[in-house]
Amino acid sequence: MGEPNALVRLGQRDEKNAIAESDREKRDVLLLRAFGFYAAAAERSYDEGWPDDAWQSWRYRRSTLARLLAREGLMQQVADSYVRVQDKWR
């Protein structure tokens, strides 16, 4: 479950489901979860010593979702999610 590629697949699933979601609150929840999965995948990859180019796109996706969620007024939730990921994976 904690394998970086598996975490990314979960993030991609939630992101895809968010795109199809018409309810704003549900969409934001899915995007926030996707952000958490991408963040966890990047943290695990870093901790395991993967080369940067193997997980660079996940960092970019994490950043893109953070900006999108911040525009929705969810910056605190993004920050809280990131702290939880760091606490769990480090």
Protein backbone atom coordinates (compact mmCIF):
# COMPACT_ATOMS: atom_id res chain seq x y z
CA MET A 1 0.00 0.00 0.00
CA GLY A 2 2.81 2.45 0.74
CA GLU A 3 4.61 1.80 -2.53
CA PRO A 4 4.97 5.13 -4.39
CA ASN A 5 3.53 3.93 -7.69
CA ALA A 6 0.48 2.51 -5.90
CA LEU A 7 -0.03 5.81 -4.07
CA VAL A 8 0.12 7.69 -7.38
CA ARG A 9 -2.48 5.39 -8.91
CA LEU A 10 -4.82 6.16 -6.01
CA GLY A 11 -4.20 9.87 -6.53
CA GLN A 12 -4.90 9.56 -10.25
CA ARG A 13 -8.13 7.71 -9.51
CA ASP A 14 -9.35 10.42 -7.14
CA GLU A 15 -8.29 13.17 -9.53
CA LYS A 16 -10.15 11.51 -12.41
CA ASN A 17 -13.26 11.10 -10.25
CA ALA A 18 -13.03 14.76 -9.20
CA ILE A 19 -13.08 15.89 -12.82
CA ALA A 20 -16.35 14.03 -13.35
CA GLU A 21 -17.91 15.33 -10.11
CA SER A 22 -20.43 18.16 -10.43
CA ASP A 23 -20.80 18.80 -6.70
CA ARG A 24 -18.11 21.30 -5.66
CA GLU A 25 -17.66 19.97 -2.12
CA LYS A 26 -17.28 16.37 -3.28
CA ARG A 27 -14.88 17.49 -6.00
CA ASP A 28 -12.75 19.37 -3.49
CA VAL A 29 -12.64 16.36 -1.15
CA LEU A 30 -11.47 14.14 -4.00
CA LEU A 31 -8.84 16.66 -5.10
CA LEU A 32 -7.59 17.02 -1.54
CA ARG A 33 -7.26 13.24 -1.24
CA ALA A 34 -5.46 13.13 -4.59
CA PHE A 35 -3.10 15.82 -3.32
CA GLY A 36 -2.39 13.68 -0.25
CA PHE A 37 -1.63 10.61 -2.35
CA TYR A 38 0.74 12.51 -4.64
CA ALA A 39 2.44 14.09 -1.62
CA ALA A 40 2.81 10.68 0.06
CA ALA A 41 4.24 9.15 -3.13
CA ALA A 42 6.80 11.95 -3.42
CA GLU A 43 7.78 11.65 0.26
CA ARG A 44 8.18 7.88 0.04
CA SER A 45 10.22 8.15 -3.16
CA TYR A 46 12.49 10.72 -1.57
CA ASP A 47 12.89 8.65 1.59
CA GLU A 48 13.70 5.54 -0.45
CA GLY A 49 16.36 7.39 -2.43
CA TRP A 50 14.68 7.26 -5.81
CA PRO A 51 16.29 9.47 -8.46
CA ASP A 52 14.55 12.86 -8.72
CA ASP A 53 13.44 12.34 -12.30
CA ALA A 54 11.50 9.21 -11.26
CA TRP A 55 9.10 11.24 -9.10
CA GLN A 56 9.46 14.82 -10.28
CA SER A 57 6.11 14.78 -12.10
CA TRP A 58 4.38 13.77 -8.86
CA ARG A 59 5.78 16.85 -7.13
CA TYR A 60 4.51 19.01 -9.98
CA ARG A 61 1.07 17.40 -9.80
CA ARG A 62 1.01 17.89 -6.03
CA SER A 63 1.86 21.58 -6.51
CA THR A 64 -0.76 22.04 -9.21
CA LEU A 65 -3.46 20.54 -7.01
CA ALA A 66 -2.34 22.68 -4.07
CA ARG A 67 -2.70 25.84 -6.17
CA LEU A 68 -6.10 24.75 -7.49
CA LEU A 69 -7.36 23.98 -3.99
CA ALA A 70 -5.95 27.25 -2.64
CA ARG A 71 -8.01 29.13 -5.24
CA GLU A 72 -11.05 27.34 -3.80
CA GLY A 73 -10.17 28.70 -0.34
CA LEU A 74 -8.74 25.42 0.94
CA MET A 75 -5.13 26.39 1.61
CA GLN A 76 -5.35 25.47 5.30
CA GLN A 77 -6.71 22.02 4.43
CA VAL A 78 -3.88 21.55 1.92
CA ALA A 79 -1.31 22.55 4.55
CA ASP A 80 -2.89 20.22 7.12
CA SER A 81 -2.90 17.37 4.63
CA TYR A 82 0.76 17.93 3.81
CA VAL A 83 1.72 17.95 7.49
CA ARG A 84 -0.17 14.66 8.01
CA VAL A 85 1.68 13.10 5.08
CA GLN A 86 5.03 14.21 6.44
CA ASP A 87 4.18 12.91 9.90
CA LYS A 88 3.09 9.55 8.52
CA TRP A 89 5.86 8.89 6.01
CA ARG A 90 8.90 10.37 7.70
